[in-house]
Amino acid sequence: MVPLILRWTGRLSSAPVVVVLLLIVIGERSAAPSRMEVVGLTFFPGIVCIGLLLGWWREWLGAAVATFGLVGFYLWSLIARGHLANGPWFVVFWFPAVFFFASWLTRRLPARAGIDTEHRVQRADPEQRGANED
């Protein structure tokens, strides 16, 4: 149940984020961006939006791509401007990726630990139990 809630929280929060970011990019009517600004815009919102859209189908991949876009944007900002981008909005717009990653993680960890996520009791096969004790 928890992975499903996290998945849908990621989906429902990523949709308006992608729409708002696209509206900001499309609605901006200033002069054409410089080559350096195009690099920054490729990372954020470009790659971040791609990651958030990928998260609808492949949670881990979408979260990884969105995180790559955010980290790449911050590195670009540091290199191009000499300081990190200011304000919380870049992380706020990226945050649905956290829900995608958490959804993937909550489905994957129990399976690796042998825990049944459907809350059924798993009993060992009596024949295997006896064979292991010999």
N, C-alpha and C. Protein backbone atom coordinates (compact mmCIF):
# COMPACT_ATOMS: atom_id res chain seq x y z
N MET A 1 0.82 -1.20 0.00
CA MET A 1 0.00 0.00 0.00
C MET A 1 0.86 1.26 0.00
N VAL A 2 1.92 1.26 0.81
CA VAL A 2 2.79 2.44 0.89
C VAL A 2 3.45 2.74 -0.45
N PRO A 3 3.99 1.71 -1.17
CA PRO A 3 4.59 2.04 -2.47
C PRO A 3 3.58 2.66 -3.44
N LEU A 4 2.34 2.19 -3.37
CA LEU A 4 1.30 2.73 -4.26
C LEU A 4 1.00 4.19 -3.92
N ILE A 5 0.92 4.50 -2.65
CA ILE A 5 0.68 5.89 -2.22
C ILE A 5 1.85 6.78 -2.66
N LEU A 6 3.07 6.30 -2.45
CA LEU A 6 4.24 7.09 -2.86
C LEU A 6 4.29 7.28 -4.37
N ARG A 7 3.97 6.21 -5.11
CA ARG A 7 3.98 6.30 -6.58
C ARG A 7 2.99 7.35 -7.06
N TRP A 8 1.76 7.30 -6.52
CA TRP A 8 0.74 8.25 -6.98
C TRP A 8 0.99 9.66 -6.46
N THR A 9 1.62 9.79 -5.32
CA THR A 9 2.01 11.12 -4.85
C THR A 9 3.05 11.71 -5.79
N GLY A 10 4.00 10.89 -6.21
CA GLY A 10 4.99 11.35 -7.18
C GLY A 10 4.35 11.73 -8.51
N ARG A 11 3.44 10.90 -8.97
CA ARG A 11 2.77 11.18 -10.25
C ARG A 11 1.93 12.45 -10.18
N LEU A 12 1.11 12.53 -9.13
CA LEU A 12 0.21 13.68 -9.02
C LEU A 12 0.94 14.98 -8.73
N SER A 13 2.10 14.90 -8.10
CA SER A 13 2.86 16.13 -7.86
C SER A 13 3.76 16.48 -9.04
N SER A 14 4.16 15.48 -9.83
CA SER A 14 5.04 15.78 -10.97
C SER A 14 4.29 16.41 -12.13
N ALA A 15 3.03 16.05 -12.31
CA ALA A 15 2.26 16.59 -13.44
C ALA A 15 2.18 18.12 -13.40
N PRO A 16 1.73 18.72 -12.30
CA PRO A 16 1.68 20.18 -12.30
C PRO A 16 3.06 20.83 -12.35
N VAL A 17 4.07 20.16 -11.79
CA VAL A 17 5.43 20.71 -11.84
C VAL A 17 5.90 20.81 -13.29
N VAL A 18 5.70 19.74 -14.06
CA VAL A 18 6.11 19.76 -15.46
C VAL A 18 5.34 20.83 -16.23
N VAL A 19 4.04 20.93 -15.98
CA VAL A 19 3.23 21.94 -16.67
C VAL A 19 3.70 23.35 -16.33
N VAL A 20 3.93 23.62 -15.06
CA VAL A 20 4.38 24.96 -14.64
C VAL A 20 5.74 25.29 -15.24
N LEU A 21 6.66 24.33 -15.20
CA LEU A 21 7.99 24.59 -15.77
C LEU A 21 7.92 24.84 -17.28
N LEU A 22 7.09 24.07 -17.97
CA LEU A 22 6.94 24.30 -19.41
C LEU A 22 6.30 25.65 -19.69
N LEU A 23 5.31 26.04 -18.89
CA LEU A 23 4.69 27.35 -19.06
C LEU A 23 5.69 28.48 -18.81
N ILE A 24 6.55 28.29 -17.83
CA ILE A 24 7.57 29.31 -17.56
C ILE A 24 8.51 29.44 -18.75
N VAL A 25 8.96 28.30 -19.27
CA VAL A 25 9.90 28.33 -20.41
C VAL A 25 9.22 28.89 -21.66
N ILE A 26 8.01 28.44 -21.95
CA ILE A 26 7.29 28.90 -23.14
C ILE A 26 6.87 30.35 -23.00
N GLY A 27 6.46 30.74 -21.80
CA GLY A 27 5.95 32.08 -21.57
C GLY A 27 7.02 33.16 -21.52
N GLU A 28 8.26 32.76 -21.34
CA GLU A 28 9.36 33.73 -21.28
C GLU A 28 9.59 34.31 -22.68
N ARG A 29 9.37 35.61 -22.84
CA ARG A 29 9.48 36.27 -24.14
C ARG A 29 10.66 37.22 -24.23
N SER A 30 11.68 36.99 -23.43
CA SER A 30 12.84 37.89 -23.48
C SER A 30 13.75 37.47 -24.62
N ALA A 31 14.91 38.09 -24.69
CA ALA A 31 15.87 37.80 -25.75
C ALA A 31 16.27 36.33 -25.70
N ALA A 32 16.75 35.83 -26.81
CA ALA A 32 17.18 34.43 -26.89
C ALA A 32 18.29 34.18 -25.87
N PRO A 33 18.27 33.02 -25.23
CA PRO A 33 19.30 32.73 -24.23
C PRO A 33 20.68 32.54 -24.89
N SER A 34 21.70 32.86 -24.12
CA SER A 34 23.07 32.65 -24.61
C SER A 34 23.38 31.16 -24.61
N ARG A 35 24.51 30.78 -25.17
CA ARG A 35 24.89 29.37 -25.20
C ARG A 35 25.03 28.81 -23.79
N MET A 36 25.62 29.58 -22.90
CA MET A 36 25.77 29.13 -21.51
C MET A 36 24.41 28.96 -20.83
N GLU A 37 23.49 29.87 -21.11
CA GLU A 37 22.15 29.75 -20.53
C GLU A 37 21.41 28.54 -21.09
N VAL A 38 21.64 28.21 -22.34
CA VAL A 38 21.02 27.03 -22.93
C VAL A 38 21.49 25.77 -22.21
N VAL A 39 22.75 25.73 -21.83
CA VAL A 39 23.27 24.59 -21.08
C VAL A 39 22.52 24.48 -19.74
N GLY A 40 22.39 25.59 -19.04
CA GLY A 40 21.66 25.58 -17.77
C GLY A 40 20.21 25.17 -17.95
N LEU A 41 19.56 25.69 -19.00
CA LEU A 41 18.16 25.34 -19.26
C LEU A 41 18.00 23.88 -19.67
N THR A 42 19.05 23.31 -20.24
CA THR A 42 18.99 21.89 -20.58
C THR A 42 18.90 21.06 -19.31
N PHE A 43 19.69 21.43 -18.31
CA PHE A 43 19.64 20.69 -17.04
C PHE A 43 18.35 20.96 -16.29
N PHE A 44 18.03 22.24 -16.13
CA PHE A 44 16.82 22.63 -15.42
C PHE A 44 16.13 23.72 -16.21
N PRO A 45 15.00 23.49 -16.75
CA PRO A 45 14.04 22.44 -16.45
C PRO A 45 14.09 21.22 -17.37
N GLY A 46 14.90 21.23 -18.41
CA GLY A 46 14.87 20.17 -19.41
C GLY A 46 15.00 18.76 -18.88
N ILE A 47 16.17 18.41 -18.35
CA ILE A 47 16.41 17.05 -17.90
C ILE A 47 15.57 16.72 -16.66
N VAL A 48 15.32 17.69 -15.82
CA VAL A 48 14.48 17.45 -14.65
C VAL A 48 13.07 17.06 -15.10
N CYS A 49 12.51 17.75 -16.08
CA CYS A 49 11.17 17.41 -16.59
C CYS A 49 11.16 16.03 -17.24
N ILE A 50 12.20 15.71 -17.99
CA ILE A 50 12.29 14.38 -18.60
C ILE A 50 12.29 13.31 -17.51
N GLY A 51 13.06 13.54 -16.47
CA GLY A 51 13.10 12.59 -15.36
C GLY A 51 11.75 12.44 -14.67
N LEU A 52 11.05 13.55 -14.46
CA LEU A 52 9.75 13.48 -13.80
C LEU A 52 8.73 12.75 -14.68
N LEU A 53 8.83 12.90 -15.98
CA LEU A 53 7.95 12.16 -16.87
C LEU A 53 8.31 10.68 -16.92
N LEU A 54 9.60 10.38 -16.93
CA LEU A 54 10.04 8.97 -16.90
C LEU A 54 9.59 8.27 -15.62
N GLY A 55 9.52 9.02 -14.53
CA GLY A 55 9.12 8.46 -13.26
C GLY A 55 7.73 7.84 -13.27
N TRP A 56 6.89 8.22 -14.20
CA TRP A 56 5.57 7.63 -14.30
C TRP A 56 5.64 6.16 -14.69
N TRP A 57 6.69 5.78 -15.43
CA TRP A 57 6.82 4.39 -15.90
C TRP A 57 7.93 3.63 -15.17
N ARG A 58 9.03 4.30 -14.94
CA ARG A 58 10.19 3.68 -14.29
C ARG A 58 10.64 4.61 -13.18
N GLU A 59 10.19 4.32 -11.95
CA GLU A 59 10.42 5.24 -10.84
C GLU A 59 11.89 5.51 -10.59
N TRP A 60 12.69 4.45 -10.52
CA TRP A 60 14.11 4.64 -10.23
C TRP A 60 14.80 5.44 -11.33
N LEU A 61 14.55 5.09 -12.57
CA LEU A 61 15.18 5.80 -13.69
C LEU A 61 14.75 7.27 -13.71
N GLY A 62 13.46 7.52 -13.51
CA GLY A 62 12.97 8.89 -13.50
C GLY A 62 13.59 9.72 -12.39
N ALA A 63 13.67 9.13 -11.20
CA ALA A 63 14.29 9.84 -10.07
C ALA A 63 15.76 10.10 -10.34
N ALA A 64 16.45 9.13 -10.92
CA ALA A 64 17.88 9.30 -11.21
C ALA A 64 18.11 10.38 -12.26
N VAL A 65 17.30 10.39 -13.31
CA VAL A 65 17.45 11.40 -14.37
C VAL A 65 17.13 12.79 -13.83
N ALA A 66 16.06 12.91 -13.06
CA ALA A 66 15.70 14.21 -12.48
C ALA A 66 16.79 14.70 -11.53
N THR A 67 17.36 13.80 -10.76
CA THR A 67 18.44 14.17 -9.84
C THR A 67 19.69 14.59 -10.62
N PHE A 68 19.99 13.86 -11.69
CA PHE A 68 21.11 14.24 -12.55
C PHE A 68 20.89 15.65 -13.10
N GLY A 69 19.67 15.97 -13.51
CA GLY A 69 19.37 17.30 -14.02
C GLY A 69 19.56 18.38 -12.97
N LEU A 70 19.10 18.12 -11.75
CA LEU A 70 19.24 19.11 -10.68
C LEU A 70 20.70 19.32 -10.30
N VAL A 71 21.43 18.22 -10.12
CA VAL A 71 22.85 18.32 -9.76
C VAL A 71 23.62 18.99 -10.90
N GLY A 72 23.31 18.61 -12.13
CA GLY A 72 23.96 19.25 -13.28
C GLY A 72 23.69 20.74 -13.33
N PHE A 73 22.46 21.13 -13.00
CA PHE A 73 22.12 22.55 -12.99
C PHE A 73 22.91 23.30 -11.92
N TYR A 74 23.00 22.71 -10.73
CA TYR A 74 23.75 23.37 -9.66
C TYR A 74 25.24 23.45 -10.01
N LEU A 75 25.78 22.41 -10.63
CA LEU A 75 27.19 22.47 -11.06
C LEU A 75 27.38 23.52 -12.14
N TRP A 76 26.45 23.57 -13.09
CA TRP A 76 26.52 24.59 -14.14
C TRP A 76 26.47 25.98 -13.51
N SER A 77 25.57 26.17 -12.57
CA SER A 77 25.45 27.46 -11.91
C SER A 77 26.74 27.85 -11.20
N LEU A 78 27.35 26.89 -10.54
CA LEU A 78 28.61 27.15 -9.83
C LEU A 78 29.73 27.52 -10.81
N ILE A 79 29.80 26.79 -11.91
CA ILE A 79 30.85 27.04 -12.90
C ILE A 79 30.59 28.33 -13.68
N ALA A 80 29.37 28.51 -14.16
CA ALA A 80 29.06 29.65 -15.02
C ALA A 80 28.93 30.96 -14.26
N ARG A 81 28.38 30.90 -13.06
CA ARG A 81 28.11 32.14 -12.32
C ARG A 81 29.00 32.33 -11.10
N GLY A 82 29.70 31.29 -10.71
CA GLY A 82 30.58 31.40 -9.55
C GLY A 82 29.90 31.15 -8.22
N HIS A 83 28.61 30.81 -8.24
CA HIS A 83 27.87 30.50 -7.01
C HIS A 83 26.70 29.59 -7.35
N LEU A 84 26.20 28.90 -6.34
CA LEU A 84 25.04 28.03 -6.55
C LEU A 84 23.79 28.87 -6.77
N ALA A 85 22.85 28.31 -7.49
CA ALA A 85 21.58 28.99 -7.71
C ALA A 85 20.89 29.23 -6.37
N ASN A 86 20.28 30.39 -6.22
CA ASN A 86 19.65 30.78 -4.96
C ASN A 86 18.20 30.34 -4.91
N GLY A 87 17.70 30.19 -3.72
CA GLY A 87 16.29 29.92 -3.49
C GLY A 87 15.97 28.44 -3.46
N PRO A 88 14.84 28.13 -2.86
CA PRO A 88 14.44 26.72 -2.70
C PRO A 88 13.68 26.16 -3.90
N TRP A 89 13.34 26.98 -4.88
CA TRP A 89 12.40 26.55 -5.92
C TRP A 89 12.94 25.45 -6.81
N PHE A 90 14.22 25.42 -7.04
CA PHE A 90 14.77 24.35 -7.87
C PHE A 90 14.56 23.00 -7.21
N VAL A 91 14.79 22.94 -5.91
CA VAL A 91 14.59 21.69 -5.17
C VAL A 91 13.10 21.39 -5.04
N VAL A 92 12.28 22.40 -4.85
CA VAL A 92 10.83 22.19 -4.74
C VAL A 92 10.29 21.58 -6.03
N PHE A 93 10.72 22.10 -7.18
CA PHE A 93 10.25 21.55 -8.46
C PHE A 93 10.80 20.16 -8.72
N TRP A 94 11.93 19.83 -8.16
CA TRP A 94 12.54 18.51 -8.32
C TRP A 94 11.95 17.48 -7.36
N PHE A 95 11.34 17.92 -6.28
CA PHE A 95 10.95 17.06 -5.16
C PHE A 95 10.07 15.85 -5.53
N PRO A 96 9.20 15.89 -6.55
CA PRO A 96 8.46 14.67 -6.88
C PRO A 96 9.36 13.47 -7.16
N ALA A 97 10.59 13.72 -7.57
CA ALA A 97 11.54 12.62 -7.80
C ALA A 97 11.80 11.85 -6.50
N VAL A 98 11.72 12.51 -5.37
CA VAL A 98 11.91 11.84 -4.08
C VAL A 98 10.81 10.81 -3.87
N PHE A 99 9.59 11.14 -4.23
CA PHE A 99 8.48 10.20 -4.10
C PHE A 99 8.67 9.00 -5.03
N PHE A 100 9.14 9.25 -6.25
CA PHE A 100 9.40 8.14 -7.17
C PHE A 100 10.48 7.22 -6.61
N PHE A 101 11.54 7.80 -6.10
CA PHE A 101 12.62 6.98 -5.54
C PHE A 101 12.13 6.21 -4.32
N ALA A 102 11.37 6.86 -3.45
CA ALA A 102 10.86 6.19 -2.25
C ALA A 102 9.90 5.05 -2.62
N SER A 103 9.08 5.25 -3.65
CA SER A 103 8.19 4.19 -4.11
C SER A 103 8.99 3.00 -4.60
N TRP A 104 10.00 3.26 -5.41
CA TRP A 104 10.84 2.18 -5.91
C TRP A 104 11.54 1.46 -4.75
N LEU A 105 12.05 2.24 -3.82
CA LEU A 105 12.81 1.67 -2.72
C LEU A 105 11.93 0.82 -1.80
N THR A 106 10.72 1.27 -1.52
CA THR A 106 9.84 0.51 -0.63
C THR A 106 9.34 -0.77 -1.28
N ARG A 107 9.34 -0.85 -2.59
CA ARG A 107 8.99 -2.11 -3.25
C ARG A 107 10.20 -3.02 -3.35
N ARG A 108 11.38 -2.47 -3.49
CA ARG A 108 12.58 -3.27 -3.73
C ARG A 108 13.19 -3.85 -2.45
N LEU A 109 13.28 -3.05 -1.41
CA LEU A 109 13.94 -3.52 -0.18
C LEU A 109 13.24 -4.71 0.46
N PRO A 110 11.91 -4.70 0.61
CA PRO A 110 11.27 -5.87 1.22
C PRO A 110 11.50 -7.14 0.40
N ALA A 111 11.51 -7.03 -0.91
CA ALA A 111 11.72 -8.21 -1.75
C ALA A 111 13.12 -8.78 -1.56
N ARG A 112 14.11 -7.90 -1.41
CA ARG A 112 15.48 -8.36 -1.21
C ARG A 112 15.66 -8.97 0.18
N ALA A 113 14.90 -8.51 1.14
CA ALA A 113 15.03 -9.02 2.51
C ALA A 113 14.15 -10.25 2.75
N GLY A 114 13.36 -10.66 1.74
CA GLY A 114 12.49 -11.81 1.90
C GLY A 114 11.21 -11.50 2.63
N ILE A 115 10.84 -10.23 2.70
CA ILE A 115 9.61 -9.82 3.38
C ILE A 115 8.50 -9.73 2.35
N ASP A 116 7.37 -10.31 2.67
CA ASP A 116 6.22 -10.27 1.77
C ASP A 116 5.48 -8.96 1.98
N THR A 117 5.37 -8.15 0.94
CA THR A 117 4.72 -6.85 1.06
C THR A 117 3.19 -6.97 1.09
N GLU A 118 2.67 -8.16 0.84
CA GLU A 118 1.22 -8.36 0.89
C GLU A 118 0.77 -8.76 2.29
N HIS A 119 1.69 -8.81 3.26
CA HIS A 119 1.41 -9.11 4.65
C HIS A 119 0.88 -10.52 4.87
N ARG A 120 1.32 -11.44 4.03
CA ARG A 120 0.98 -12.84 4.24
C ARG A 120 2.11 -13.48 5.04
N VAL A 121 1.75 -14.46 5.82
CA VAL A 121 2.75 -15.17 6.60
C VAL A 121 3.46 -16.16 5.68
N GLN A 122 4.77 -16.09 5.64
CA GLN A 122 5.54 -17.01 4.82
C GLN A 122 6.08 -18.11 5.73
N ARG A 123 5.74 -19.33 5.40
CA ARG A 123 6.21 -20.47 6.19
C ARG A 123 7.23 -21.24 5.36
N ALA A 124 8.24 -21.68 6.03
CA ALA A 124 9.25 -22.47 5.35
C ALA A 124 8.68 -23.84 5.03
N ASP A 125 9.11 -24.42 3.93
CA ASP A 125 8.70 -25.75 3.54
C ASP A 125 9.27 -26.75 4.54
N PRO A 126 8.44 -27.63 5.17
CA PRO A 126 8.96 -28.54 6.19
C PRO A 126 10.07 -29.45 5.65
N GLU A 127 9.98 -29.86 4.40
CA GLU A 127 11.02 -30.72 3.84
C GLU A 127 12.35 -29.98 3.75
N GLN A 128 12.29 -28.70 3.35
CA GLN A 128 13.51 -27.92 3.26
C GLN A 128 14.09 -27.66 4.65
N ARG A 129 13.23 -27.44 5.62
CA ARG A 129 13.70 -27.19 6.98
C ARG A 129 14.45 -28.41 7.49
N GLY A 130 13.90 -29.58 7.25
CA GLY A 130 14.55 -30.79 7.70
C GLY A 130 15.85 -31.05 6.95
N ALA A 131 15.89 -30.71 5.67
CA ALA A 131 17.10 -30.94 4.87
C ALA A 131 18.23 -30.00 5.31
N ASN A 132 17.88 -28.82 5.75
CA ASN A 132 18.89 -27.86 6.18
C ASN A 132 19.50 -28.22 7.53
N GLU A 133 18.74 -28.96 8.36
CA GLU A 133 19.23 -29.31 9.69
C GLU A 133 20.19 -30.48 9.67
N ASP A 134 20.19 -31.27 8.60
CA ASP A 134 21.07 -32.43 8.53
C ASP A 134 22.51 -32.09 8.39
